[in-house]
Amino acid sequence: MNTLRILFMGTPEFAVGILDHLVASKVNVVAVVTAPDKPAGRGKRLHSSAVKQYAEQHDLEVLQPTNLKSEEFQDDLKRLNPNLMVVVAFRMLPKVVWSFPDYGTFNLHASLLPQYRGAAPINWAIINGEKETGVTTFFIDEEIDTGHIIDSKTIPIAAEDDVESLHDKLMELGAGLVLKTVKAIESGTAKAKTQKLNAALKSAPKLTRENTKVNWNQSAEQIVNFVRGLTPFPTAWTELTKKDEILKVKVFKVSPEPVKHNKEVGSTFYDKEKKTICVAVNDGYVHIKELQLPGKKRMTSHALVNGMGWEADFRFL
């Protein structure tokens, strides 16, 4: 593929999997663009993105512009002269950048577009109880995730999948799709098509403190999907009333038990046989298997109860 000069743009681990597949397939990647180093940890030491770390290990030129419209970055584009840009988990590009290459700029999105446009498609597909999802390559235009679709691949969502496991499956699936798309563009066989819109589109908005709190008034199945869709990051959370305290608790693993009861929603008890903290919901119980209290490590319900006990008046809000 010597005719192509690819500029790769990406930041997190998800993008590394795709970049690695391109490099291993001897695709001509002239440089990578990634986020600037950021301070992290207690010492606030500068931390490089996963893509930068990979690029340096493989002797790829790294660009970290703070302003994509800057004269310096525009000069870099002219110097590198890419004729195709591949974008995976990066920020929104200005037109002056995505319109630069002769073959255009395409993005890999972790959903079956036009479904789940937005920042967190993997999370929301699980949260909403979808049975399948996938990856899509599309040409970037002025709006977010709206460009002409080049290709897509579908994968089932297993009942035991959480964000981590589905992320890894989609990364592998996406690596193959990006390479296939690159080859199609190079050979002139890529056929882009307009996204078909309908009234049943679901979005994938950014995850915030407000939309990651557990709603115990939902069904047990909905709560299980919600927790799976936020594990291990950014993590579902709830509030626990304990004596005169209200504690913010992270919830990692849960399971449903459909059963009739007359307990108040949010009320709790410890199931000694299953070694789980049980929370009453409208259509049964949600068994909490793993959780985390403020200032503590992630632990099983059994370990937590052994450490501090569990009272009948403890309640989740």
C-alpha atoms as a PDB file:
ATOM      1  CA  MET A   1       0.000   0.000   0.000  1.00  0.00           C
ATOM      2  CA  ASN A   2       2.800   2.399  -0.846  1.00  0.00           C
ATOM      3  CA  THR A   3       0.467   4.808  -2.700  1.00  0.00           C
ATOM      4  CA  LEU A   4      -1.218   5.840   0.543  1.00  0.00           C
ATOM      5  CA  ARG A   5       0.169   8.342   3.037  1.00  0.00           C
ATOM      6  CA  ILE A   6      -1.965   7.894   6.136  1.00  0.00           C
ATOM      7  CA  LEU A   7      -2.128  10.284   9.057  1.00  0.00           C
ATOM      8  CA  PHE A   8      -3.622   8.447  12.046  1.00  0.00           C
ATOM      9  CA  MET A   9      -5.492  10.352  14.766  1.00  0.00           C
ATOM     10  CA  GLY A  10      -6.431   8.818  18.105  1.00  0.00           C
ATOM     11  CA  THR A  11      -5.802   8.903  21.837  1.00  0.00           C
ATOM     12  CA  PRO A  12      -6.990   5.968  24.051  1.00  0.00           C
ATOM     13  CA  GLU A  13      -6.228   2.256  24.158  1.00  0.00           C
ATOM     14  CA  PHE A  14      -9.116   1.536  21.778  1.00  0.00           C
ATOM     15  CA  ALA A  15      -7.282   3.482  19.065  1.00  0.00           C
ATOM     16  CA  VAL A  16      -4.029   1.607  19.754  1.00  0.00           C
ATOM     17  CA  GLY A  17      -5.577  -1.699  18.705  1.00  0.00           C
ATOM     18  CA  ILE A  18      -6.537  -0.246  15.336  1.00  0.00           C
ATOM     19  CA  LEU A  19      -3.194   1.523  14.812  1.00  0.00           C
ATOM     20  CA  ASP A  20      -1.283  -1.642  15.661  1.00  0.00           C
ATOM     21  CA  HIS A  21      -3.226  -3.613  13.052  1.00  0.00           C
ATOM     22  CA  LEU A  22      -2.428  -1.010  10.390  1.00  0.00           C
ATOM     23  CA  VAL A  23       1.268  -0.990  11.286  1.00  0.00           C
ATOM     24  CA  ALA A  24       1.437  -4.795  11.364  1.00  0.00           C
ATOM     25  CA  SER A  25      -0.222  -4.879   7.932  1.00  0.00           C
ATOM     26  CA  LYS A  26       2.541  -2.637   6.521  1.00  0.00           C
ATOM     27  CA  VAL A  27       0.209   0.275   5.834  1.00  0.00           C
ATOM     28  CA  ASN A  28       2.128   3.514   5.275  1.00  0.00           C
ATOM     29  CA  VAL A  29       1.392   5.560   8.411  1.00  0.00           C
ATOM     30  CA  VAL A  30       3.406   8.771   8.039  1.00  0.00           C
ATOM     31  CA  ALA A  31       2.626  10.080  11.549  1.00  0.00           C
ATOM     32  CA  VAL A  32       0.104  10.021  14.371  1.00  0.00           C
ATOM     33  CA  VAL A  33      -1.802  12.878  15.972  1.00  0.00           C
ATOM     34  CA  THR A  34      -2.827  12.512  19.590  1.00  0.00           C
ATOM     35  CA  ALA A  35      -3.793  14.550  22.644  1.00  0.00           C
ATOM     36  CA  PRO A  36      -1.187  16.648  24.478  1.00  0.00           C
ATOM     37  CA  ASP A  37       0.375  15.115  27.586  1.00  0.00           C
ATOM     38  CA  LYS A  38      -1.693  15.726  30.706  1.00  0.00           C
ATOM     39  CA  PRO A  39      -0.785  15.813  34.416  1.00  0.00           C
ATOM     40  CA  ALA A  40      -2.079  12.775  36.288  1.00  0.00           C
ATOM     41  CA  GLY A  41      -1.722  11.076  39.664  1.00  0.00           C
ATOM     42  CA  ARG A  42      -0.814  12.524  43.020  1.00  0.00           C
ATOM     43  CA  GLY A  43       2.425  14.009  41.751  1.00  0.00           C
ATOM     44  CA  LYS A  44       0.680  15.535  38.696  1.00  0.00           C
ATOM     45  CA  ARG A  45       3.407  14.153  36.450  1.00  0.00           C
ATOM     46  CA  LEU A  46       2.782  14.488  32.719  1.00  0.00           C
ATOM     47  CA  HIS A  47       1.144  11.389  31.269  1.00  0.00           C
ATOM     48  CA  SER A  48       1.276  10.449  27.586  1.00  0.00           C
ATOM     49  CA  SER A  49      -1.711   9.002  25.759  1.00  0.00           C
ATOM     50  CA  ALA A  50      -1.806   5.306  24.900  1.00  0.00           C
ATOM     51  CA  VAL A  51      -1.427   6.164  21.211  1.00  0.00           C
ATOM     52  CA  LYS A  52       1.672   8.298  21.848  1.00  0.00           C
ATOM     53  CA  GLN A  53       3.282   5.525  23.885  1.00  0.00           C
ATOM     54  CA  TYR A  54       2.628   3.023  21.092  1.00  0.00           C
ATOM     55  CA  ALA A  55       3.862   5.412  18.392  1.00  0.00           C
ATOM     56  CA  GLU A  56       7.132   6.098  20.198  1.00  0.00           C
ATOM     57  CA  GLN A  57       7.727   2.368  20.639  1.00  0.00           C
ATOM     58  CA  HIS A  58       7.311   1.911  16.877  1.00  0.00           C
ATOM     59  CA  ASP A  59       9.308   4.964  15.755  1.00  0.00           C
ATOM     60  CA  LEU A  60       6.302   6.833  14.380  1.00  0.00           C
ATOM     61  CA  GLU A  61       6.333  10.617  14.330  1.00  0.00           C
ATOM     62  CA  VAL A  62       3.988  12.071  16.969  1.00  0.00           C
ATOM     63  CA  LEU A  63       2.125  15.373  16.703  1.00  0.00           C
ATOM     64  CA  GLN A  64       0.282  16.796  19.739  1.00  0.00           C
ATOM     65  CA  PRO A  65      -1.357  20.045  18.650  1.00  0.00           C
ATOM     66  CA  THR A  66      -3.412  21.992  21.171  1.00  0.00           C
ATOM     67  CA  ASN A  67      -5.038  23.896  18.319  1.00  0.00           C
ATOM     68  CA  LEU A  68      -5.836  21.998  15.119  1.00  0.00           C
ATOM     69  CA  LYS A  69      -6.299  25.270  13.236  1.00  0.00           C
ATOM     70  CA  SER A  70      -2.919  26.643  14.255  1.00  0.00           C
ATOM     71  CA  GLU A  71      -0.390  27.693  11.628  1.00  0.00           C
ATOM     72  CA  GLU A  72       2.128  25.250  13.106  1.00  0.00           C
ATOM     73  CA  PHE A  73      -0.188  22.255  12.670  1.00  0.00           C
ATOM     74  CA  GLN A  74      -1.208  23.383   9.178  1.00  0.00           C
ATOM     75  CA  ASP A  75       2.484  23.513   8.269  1.00  0.00           C
ATOM     76  CA  ASP A  76       2.876  19.953   9.602  1.00  0.00           C
ATOM     77  CA  LEU A  77       0.018  18.796   7.365  1.00  0.00           C
ATOM     78  CA  LYS A  78       1.650  20.352   4.333  1.00  0.00           C
ATOM     79  CA  ARG A  79       4.997  18.786   5.231  1.00  0.00           C
ATOM     80  CA  LEU A  80       3.574  15.296   5.799  1.00  0.00           C
ATOM     81  CA  ASN A  81       1.151  15.634   2.867  1.00  0.00           C
ATOM     82  CA  PRO A  82      -1.193  12.765   3.872  1.00  0.00           C
ATOM     83  CA  ASN A  83      -3.706  11.690   1.232  1.00  0.00           C
ATOM     84  CA  LEU A  84      -5.890   9.826   3.755  1.00  0.00           C
ATOM     85  CA  MET A  85      -6.637  10.414   7.434  1.00  0.00           C
ATOM     86  CA  VAL A  86      -7.909   7.709   9.784  1.00  0.00           C
ATOM     87  CA  VAL A  87      -9.564   8.872  13.004  1.00  0.00           C
ATOM     88  CA  VAL A  88     -10.310   6.629  15.991  1.00  0.00           C
ATOM     89  CA  ALA A  89     -11.478   8.066  19.339  1.00  0.00           C
ATOM     90  CA  PHE A  90     -10.179  11.584  18.802  1.00  0.00           C
ATOM     91  CA  ARG A  91     -11.705  15.027  19.119  1.00  0.00           C
ATOM     92  CA  MET A  92     -13.865  16.805  16.558  1.00  0.00           C
ATOM     93  CA  LEU A  93     -11.861  18.046  13.569  1.00  0.00           C
ATOM     94  CA  PRO A  94     -12.249  21.419  11.852  1.00  0.00           C
ATOM     95  CA  LYS A  95     -13.033  21.355   8.132  1.00  0.00           C
ATOM     96  CA  VAL A  96      -9.610  22.736   7.268  1.00  0.00           C
ATOM     97  CA  VAL A  97      -8.152  19.478   8.649  1.00  0.00           C
ATOM     98  CA  TRP A  98     -10.599  16.751   7.592  1.00  0.00           C
ATOM     99  CA  SER A  99     -10.885  18.142   4.067  1.00  0.00           C
ATOM    100  CA  PHE A 100      -7.097  18.241   3.567  1.00  0.00           C
ATOM    101  CA  PRO A 101      -6.391  14.705   2.203  1.00  0.00           C
ATOM    102  CA  ASP A 102      -7.260  13.848  -1.414  1.00  0.00           C
ATOM    103  CA  TYR A 103      -9.004  10.636  -0.331  1.00  0.00           C
ATOM    104  CA  GLY A 104     -10.755  12.312   2.603  1.00  0.00           C
ATOM    105  CA  THR A 105     -10.858  11.518   6.313  1.00  0.00           C
ATOM    106  CA  PHE A 106     -12.742   8.579   7.768  1.00  0.00           C
ATOM    107  CA  ASN A 107     -13.637   7.716  11.330  1.00  0.00           C
ATOM    108  CA  LEU A 108     -14.243   4.416  13.098  1.00  0.00           C
ATOM    109  CA  HIS A 109     -17.269   4.578  15.404  1.00  0.00           C
ATOM    110  CA  ALA A 110     -18.103   1.841  17.919  1.00  0.00           C
ATOM    111  CA  SER A 111     -21.759   1.427  16.957  1.00  0.00           C
ATOM    112  CA  LEU A 112     -23.922   0.607  13.970  1.00  0.00           C
ATOM    113  CA  LEU A 113     -24.538   4.119  12.713  1.00  0.00           C
ATOM    114  CA  PRO A 114     -26.812   6.008  12.652  1.00  0.00           C
ATOM    115  CA  GLN A 115     -27.627   4.365  15.984  1.00  0.00           C
ATOM    116  CA  TYR A 116     -25.694   5.607  19.031  1.00  0.00           C
ATOM    117  CA  ARG A 117     -24.052   8.700  17.662  1.00  0.00           C
ATOM    118  CA  GLY A 118     -22.064  10.398  20.391  1.00  0.00           C
ATOM    119  CA  ALA A 119     -19.290   9.996  22.935  1.00  0.00           C
ATOM    120  CA  ALA A 120     -20.193   6.712  24.679  1.00  0.00           C
ATOM    121  CA  PRO A 121     -21.701   4.203  22.212  1.00  0.00           C
ATOM    122  CA  ILE A 122     -20.355   1.068  23.894  1.00  0.00           C
ATOM    123  CA  ASN A 123     -21.802   2.057  27.268  1.00  0.00           C
ATOM    124  CA  TRP A 124     -25.240   3.028  26.016  1.00  0.00           C
ATOM    125  CA  ALA A 125     -25.699  -0.075  23.874  1.00  0.00           C
ATOM    126  CA  ILE A 126     -25.302  -2.235  26.995  1.00  0.00           C
ATOM    127  CA  ILE A 127     -27.314   0.114  29.217  1.00  0.00           C
ATOM    128  CA  ASN A 128     -30.227  -0.026  26.779  1.00  0.00           C
ATOM    129  CA  GLY A 129     -30.170  -3.817  26.676  1.00  0.00           C
ATOM    130  CA  GLU A 130     -29.213  -4.169  23.014  1.00  0.00           C
ATOM    131  CA  LYS A 131     -28.588  -7.693  21.751  1.00  0.00           C
ATOM    132  CA  GLU A 132     -26.103  -6.605  19.102  1.00  0.00           C
ATOM    133  CA  THR A 133     -23.874  -3.708  18.175  1.00  0.00           C
ATOM    134  CA  GLY A 134     -20.899  -3.212  15.902  1.00  0.00           C
ATOM    135  CA  VAL A 135     -18.443  -0.820  14.297  1.00  0.00           C
ATOM    136  CA  THR A 136     -18.846   1.592  11.397  1.00  0.00           C
ATOM    137  CA  THR A 137     -16.421   3.475   9.177  1.00  0.00           C
ATOM    138  CA  PHE A 138     -17.680   6.738   7.692  1.00  0.00           C
ATOM    139  CA  PHE A 139     -16.335   9.864   6.046  1.00  0.00           C
ATOM    140  CA  ILE A 140     -16.202  12.839   8.406  1.00  0.00           C
ATOM    141  CA  ASP A 141     -18.269  15.933   7.628  1.00  0.00           C
ATOM    142  CA  GLU A 142     -19.353  19.074   9.489  1.00  0.00           C
ATOM    143  CA  GLU A 143     -21.559  17.319  12.057  1.00  0.00           C
ATOM    144  CA  ILE A 144     -20.781  14.630  14.654  1.00  0.00           C
ATOM    145  CA  ASP A 145     -21.059  11.025  13.381  1.00  0.00           C
ATOM    146  CA  THR A 146     -23.304  11.993  10.451  1.00  0.00           C
ATOM    147  CA  GLY A 147     -21.066  11.402   7.422  1.00  0.00           C
ATOM    148  CA  HIS A 148     -21.516   8.910   4.595  1.00  0.00           C
ATOM    149  CA  ILE A 149     -21.064   5.297   5.735  1.00  0.00           C
ATOM    150  CA  ILE A 150     -18.317   3.285   4.052  1.00  0.00           C
ATOM    151  CA  ASP A 151     -18.674  -0.084   5.800  1.00  0.00           C
ATOM    152  CA  SER A 152     -19.800  -1.768   9.030  1.00  0.00           C
ATOM    153  CA  LYS A 153     -19.578  -5.033  10.933  1.00  0.00           C
ATOM    154  CA  THR A 154     -21.992  -6.458  13.504  1.00  0.00           C
ATOM    155  CA  ILE A 155     -21.316  -8.400  16.703  1.00  0.00           C
ATOM    156  CA  PRO A 156     -23.667  -9.880  19.342  1.00  0.00           C
ATOM    157  CA  ILE A 157     -23.661  -8.504  22.874  1.00  0.00           C
ATOM    158  CA  ALA A 158     -23.405 -11.414  25.313  1.00  0.00           C
ATOM    159  CA  ALA A 159     -25.409 -11.394  28.532  1.00  0.00           C
ATOM    160  CA  GLU A 160     -22.174 -11.388  30.533  1.00  0.00           C
ATOM    161  CA  ASP A 161     -20.539  -8.563  28.568  1.00  0.00           C
ATOM    162  CA  ASP A 162     -19.585  -5.382  30.375  1.00  0.00           C
ATOM    163  CA  VAL A 163     -17.890  -2.313  28.893  1.00  0.00           C
ATOM    164  CA  GLU A 164     -14.412  -3.820  29.210  1.00  0.00           C
ATOM    165  CA  SER A 165     -15.174  -7.080  27.413  1.00  0.00           C
ATOM    166  CA  LEU A 166     -17.276  -5.445  24.683  1.00  0.00           C
ATOM    167  CA  HIS A 167     -14.636  -2.734  24.216  1.00  0.00           C
ATOM    168  CA  ASP A 168     -12.013  -5.397  23.495  1.00  0.00           C
ATOM    169  CA  LYS A 169     -14.282  -7.269  21.067  1.00  0.00           C
ATOM    170  CA  LEU A 170     -15.121  -4.075  19.181  1.00  0.00           C
ATOM    171  CA  MET A 171     -11.475  -3.030  19.078  1.00  0.00           C
ATOM    172  CA  GLU A 172     -10.565  -6.298  17.361  1.00  0.00           C
ATOM    173  CA  LEU A 173     -13.567  -6.059  15.028  1.00  0.00           C
ATOM    174  CA  GLY A 174     -12.768  -2.423  14.279  1.00  0.00           C
ATOM    175  CA  ALA A 175      -9.134  -3.153  13.444  1.00  0.00           C
ATOM    176  CA  GLY A 176     -10.207  -5.493  10.672  1.00  0.00           C
ATOM    177  CA  LEU A 177     -12.839  -3.070   9.397  1.00  0.00           C
ATOM    178  CA  VAL A 178     -10.432  -0.111   9.260  1.00  0.00           C
ATOM    179  CA  LEU A 179      -7.893  -2.118   7.272  1.00  0.00           C
ATOM    180  CA  LYS A 180     -10.643  -3.316   4.922  1.00  0.00           C
ATOM    181  CA  THR A 181     -11.786   0.303   4.482  1.00  0.00           C
ATOM    182  CA  VAL A 182      -8.249   1.509   3.792  1.00  0.00           C
ATOM    183  CA  LYS A 183      -7.829  -1.161   1.114  1.00  0.00           C
ATOM    184  CA  ALA A 184     -11.173  -0.272  -0.468  1.00  0.00           C
ATOM    185  CA  ILE A 185     -10.278   3.421  -0.619  1.00  0.00           C
ATOM    186  CA  GLU A 186      -6.868   2.641  -2.094  1.00  0.00           C
ATOM    187  CA  SER A 187      -8.335   0.381  -4.779  1.00  0.00           C
ATOM    188  CA  GLY A 188     -11.161   2.797  -5.572  1.00  0.00           C
ATOM    189  CA  THR A 189     -13.871   0.273  -4.639  1.00  0.00           C
ATOM    190  CA  ALA A 190     -15.177   2.084  -1.517  1.00  0.00           C
ATOM    191  CA  LYS A 191     -18.839   3.023  -1.931  1.00  0.00           C
ATOM    192  CA  ALA A 192     -20.054   5.513   0.655  1.00  0.00           C
ATOM    193  CA  LYS A 193     -23.771   5.814   1.332  1.00  0.00           C
ATOM    194  CA  THR A 194     -25.912   8.347   3.173  1.00  0.00           C
ATOM    195  CA  GLN A 195     -26.993   7.425   6.703  1.00  0.00           C
ATOM    196  CA  LYS A 196     -30.649   6.403   6.805  1.00  0.00           C
ATOM    197  CA  LEU A 197     -32.416   8.309   9.557  1.00  0.00           C
ATOM    198  CA  ASN A 198     -35.574   7.258  11.375  1.00  0.00           C
ATOM    199  CA  ALA A 199     -37.574   8.223  14.444  1.00  0.00           C
ATOM    200  CA  ALA A 200     -36.170   5.360  16.524  1.00  0.00           C
ATOM    201  CA  LEU A 201     -32.588   6.610  16.683  1.00  0.00           C
ATOM    202  CA  LYS A 202     -30.835   6.246  20.033  1.00  0.00           C
ATOM    203  CA  SER A 203     -28.001   8.537  21.066  1.00  0.00           C
ATOM    204  CA  ALA A 204     -24.831   7.969  23.097  1.00  0.00           C
ATOM    205  CA  PRO A 205     -24.293  11.171  25.098  1.00  0.00           C
ATOM    206  CA  LYS A 206     -21.291  11.838  27.287  1.00  0.00           C
ATOM    207  CA  LEU A 207     -21.416  10.073  30.643  1.00  0.00           C
ATOM    208  CA  THR A 208     -21.727  12.404  33.623  1.00  0.00           C
ATOM    209  CA  ARG A 209     -22.290  12.201  37.363  1.00  0.00           C
ATOM    210  CA  GLU A 210     -25.985  12.829  36.748  1.00  0.00           C
ATOM    211  CA  ASN A 211     -26.635  10.058  34.213  1.00  0.00           C
ATOM    212  CA  THR A 212     -24.523   7.355  35.897  1.00  0.00           C
ATOM    213  CA  LYS A 213     -26.521   7.156  39.154  1.00  0.00           C
ATOM    214  CA  VAL A 214     -28.543   3.981  39.690  1.00  0.00           C
ATOM    215  CA  ASN A 215     -32.323   4.440  39.616  1.00  0.00           C
ATOM    216  CA  TRP A 216     -33.705   1.784  41.943  1.00  0.00           C
ATOM    217  CA  ASN A 217     -37.214   2.407  40.575  1.00  0.00           C
ATOM    218  CA  GLN A 218     -36.238   0.707  37.340  1.00  0.00           C
ATOM    219  CA  SER A 219     -36.710  -3.025  36.788  1.00  0.00           C
ATOM    220  CA  ALA A 220     -34.074  -5.463  37.995  1.00  0.00           C
ATOM    221  CA  GLU A 221     -33.058  -6.196  34.384  1.00  0.00           C
ATOM    222  CA  GLN A 222     -32.687  -2.490  33.586  1.00  0.00           C
ATOM    223  CA  ILE A 223     -30.506  -1.957  36.654  1.00  0.00           C
ATOM    224  CA  VAL A 224     -28.313  -4.940  35.781  1.00  0.00           C
ATOM    225  CA  ASN A 225     -27.816  -3.583  32.245  1.00  0.00           C
ATOM    226  CA  PHE A 226     -27.104  -0.131  33.653  1.00  0.00           C
ATOM    227  CA  VAL A 227     -24.351  -1.444  35.925  1.00  0.00           C
ATOM    228  CA  ARG A 228     -22.850  -3.633  33.172  1.00  0.00           C
ATOM    229  CA  GLY A 229     -22.863  -0.644  30.838  1.00  0.00           C
ATOM    230  CA  LEU A 230     -20.756   1.388  33.259  1.00  0.00           C
ATOM    231  CA  THR A 231     -18.310  -1.295  34.462  1.00  0.00           C
ATOM    232  CA  PRO A 232     -15.405  -0.871  34.932  1.00  0.00           C
ATOM    233  CA  PHE A 233     -15.525   2.764  33.846  1.00  0.00           C
ATOM    234  CA  PRO A 234     -16.893   5.272  34.698  1.00  0.00           C
ATOM    235  CA  THR A 235     -18.861   3.033  37.118  1.00  0.00           C
ATOM    236  CA  ALA A 236     -22.474   3.178  38.268  1.00  0.00           C
ATOM    237  CA  TRP A 237     -22.973   4.791  41.663  1.00  0.00           C
ATOM    238  CA  THR A 238     -25.651   5.154  44.285  1.00  0.00           C
ATOM    239  CA  GLU A 239     -26.167   6.636  47.735  1.00  0.00           C
ATOM    240  CA  LEU A 240     -26.328   4.492  50.857  1.00  0.00           C
ATOM    241  CA  THR A 241     -28.006   5.738  54.021  1.00  0.00           C
ATOM    242  CA  LYS A 242     -26.084   4.230  56.920  1.00  0.00           C
ATOM    243  CA  LYS A 243     -27.089   5.429  60.373  1.00  0.00           C
ATOM    244  CA  ASP A 244     -26.766   9.213  60.109  1.00  0.00           C
ATOM    245  CA  GLU A 245     -24.447   9.050  57.092  1.00  0.00           C
ATOM    246  CA  ILE A 246     -25.056   9.175  53.359  1.00  0.00           C
ATOM    247  CA  LEU A 247     -22.251   7.429  51.489  1.00  0.00           C
ATOM    248  CA  LYS A 248     -21.551   7.479  47.754  1.00  0.00           C
ATOM    249  CA  VAL A 249     -21.105   3.846  46.740  1.00  0.00           C
ATOM    250  CA  LYS A 250     -19.794   2.533  43.415  1.00  0.00           C
ATOM    251  CA  VAL A 251     -21.496  -0.615  42.102  1.00  0.00           C
ATOM    252  CA  PHE A 252     -19.592  -3.041  39.843  1.00  0.00           C
ATOM    253  CA  LYS A 253     -21.345  -6.413  39.660  1.00  0.00           C
ATOM    254  CA  VAL A 254     -25.006  -7.261  40.156  1.00  0.00           C
ATOM    255  CA  SER A 255     -27.502  -9.957  39.240  1.00  0.00           C
ATOM    256  CA  PRO A 256     -31.327  -9.965  39.111  1.00  0.00           C
ATOM    257  CA  GLU A 257     -33.808 -12.094  41.042  1.00  0.00           C
ATOM    258  CA  PRO A 258     -37.359 -11.760  39.737  1.00  0.00           C
ATOM    259  CA  VAL A 259     -39.666 -12.430  42.686  1.00  0.00           C
ATOM    260  CA  LYS A 260     -42.731 -10.923  44.338  1.00  0.00           C
ATOM    261  CA  HIS A 261     -42.227  -9.135  47.646  1.00  0.00           C
ATOM    262  CA  ASN A 262     -43.704  -6.318  49.693  1.00  0.00           C
ATOM    263  CA  LYS A 263     -40.481  -4.532  50.607  1.00  0.00           C
ATOM    264  CA  GLU A 264     -39.901  -0.856  49.928  1.00  0.00           C
ATOM    265  CA  VAL A 265     -37.796   0.011  46.884  1.00  0.00           C
ATOM    266  CA  GLY A 266     -34.211   0.633  47.943  1.00  0.00           C
ATOM    267  CA  SER A 267     -34.470  -1.309  51.191  1.00  0.00           C
ATOM    268  CA  THR A 268     -31.736  -3.892  51.740  1.00  0.00           C
ATOM    269  CA  PHE A 269     -30.758  -7.097  53.504  1.00  0.00           C
ATOM    270  CA  TYR A 270     -27.769  -9.426  53.424  1.00  0.00           C
ATOM    271  CA  ASP A 271     -28.343 -12.803  51.749  1.00  0.00           C
ATOM    272  CA  LYS A 272     -26.121 -15.156  53.754  1.00  0.00           C
ATOM    273  CA  GLU A 273     -26.578 -18.050  51.331  1.00  0.00           C
ATOM    274  CA  LYS A 274     -25.590 -16.099  48.210  1.00  0.00           C
ATOM    275  CA  LYS A 275     -23.252 -13.781  50.143  1.00  0.00           C
ATOM    276  CA  THR A 276     -24.680 -10.710  48.430  1.00  0.00           C
ATOM    277  CA  ILE A 277     -26.302  -7.464  49.508  1.00  0.00           C
ATOM    278  CA  CYS A 278     -29.873  -7.521  48.185  1.00  0.00           C
ATOM    279  CA  VAL A 279     -31.739  -4.394  47.154  1.00  0.00           C
ATOM    280  CA  ALA A 280     -35.512  -4.431  46.744  1.00  0.00           C
ATOM    281  CA  VAL A 281     -36.822  -3.150  43.403  1.00  0.00           C
ATOM    282  CA  ASN A 282     -40.326  -3.143  41.942  1.00  0.00           C
ATOM    283  CA  ASP A 283     -40.121  -6.549  40.272  1.00  0.00           C
ATOM    284  CA  GLY A 284     -37.765  -8.418  42.611  1.00  0.00           C
ATOM    285  CA  TYR A 285     -34.281  -8.025  44.030  1.00  0.00           C
ATOM    286  CA  VAL A 286     -30.945  -6.876  42.702  1.00  0.00           C
ATOM    287  CA  HIS A 287     -28.050  -8.807  44.249  1.00  0.00           C
ATOM    288  CA  ILE A 288     -24.924  -6.682  44.603  1.00  0.00           C
ATOM    289  CA  LYS A 289     -21.824  -8.858  44.226  1.00  0.00           C
ATOM    290  CA  GLU A 290     -19.075  -6.211  44.069  1.00  0.00           C
ATOM    291  CA  LEU A 291     -19.035  -2.591  45.243  1.00  0.00           C
ATOM    292  CA  GLN A 292     -16.781   0.107  46.636  1.00  0.00           C
ATOM    293  CA  LEU A 293     -17.215   2.440  49.589  1.00  0.00           C
ATOM    294  CA  PRO A 294     -15.564   5.890  49.728  1.00  0.00           C
ATOM    295  CA  GLY A 295     -11.839   5.584  50.457  1.00  0.00           C
ATOM    296  CA  LYS A 296     -11.931   1.787  50.150  1.00  0.00           C
ATOM    297  CA  LYS A 297     -10.955  -0.694  47.460  1.00  0.00           C
ATOM    298  CA  ARG A 298     -13.407  -2.536  45.233  1.00  0.00           C
ATOM    299  CA  MET A 299     -14.587  -5.610  47.143  1.00  0.00           C
ATOM    300  CA  THR A 300     -17.229  -8.313  47.287  1.00  0.00           C
ATOM    301  CA  SER A 301     -20.374  -7.784  49.331  1.00  0.00           C
ATOM    302  CA  HIS A 302     -19.246 -10.661  51.532  1.00  0.00           C
ATOM    303  CA  ALA A 303     -15.941  -8.936  52.342  1.00  0.00           C
ATOM    304  CA  LEU A 304     -17.674  -5.623  53.028  1.00  0.00           C
ATOM    305  CA  VAL A 305     -20.254  -7.171  55.353  1.00  0.00           C
ATOM    306  CA  ASN A 306     -17.545  -9.121  57.190  1.00  0.00           C
ATOM    307  CA  GLY A 307     -15.752  -5.840  57.770  1.00  0.00           C
ATOM    308  CA  MET A 308     -18.562  -3.548  58.869  1.00  0.00           C
ATOM    309  CA  GLY A 309     -21.681  -5.668  59.197  1.00  0.00           C
ATOM    310  CA  TRP A 310     -25.026  -4.886  57.589  1.00  0.00           C
ATOM    311  CA  GLU A 311     -28.101  -3.494  59.280  1.00  0.00           C
ATOM    312  CA  ALA A 312     -31.726  -3.817  58.193  1.00  0.00           C
ATOM    313  CA  ASP A 313     -32.154  -0.033  58.078  1.00  0.00           C
ATOM    314  CA  PHE A 314     -29.361   0.474  55.523  1.00  0.00           C
ATOM    315  CA  ARG A 315     -31.030   1.776  52.359  1.00  0.00           C
ATOM    316  CA  PHE A 316     -30.000   2.748  48.842  1.00  0.00           C
ATOM    317  CA  LEU A 317     -31.383   6.013  47.486  1.00  0.00           C
END
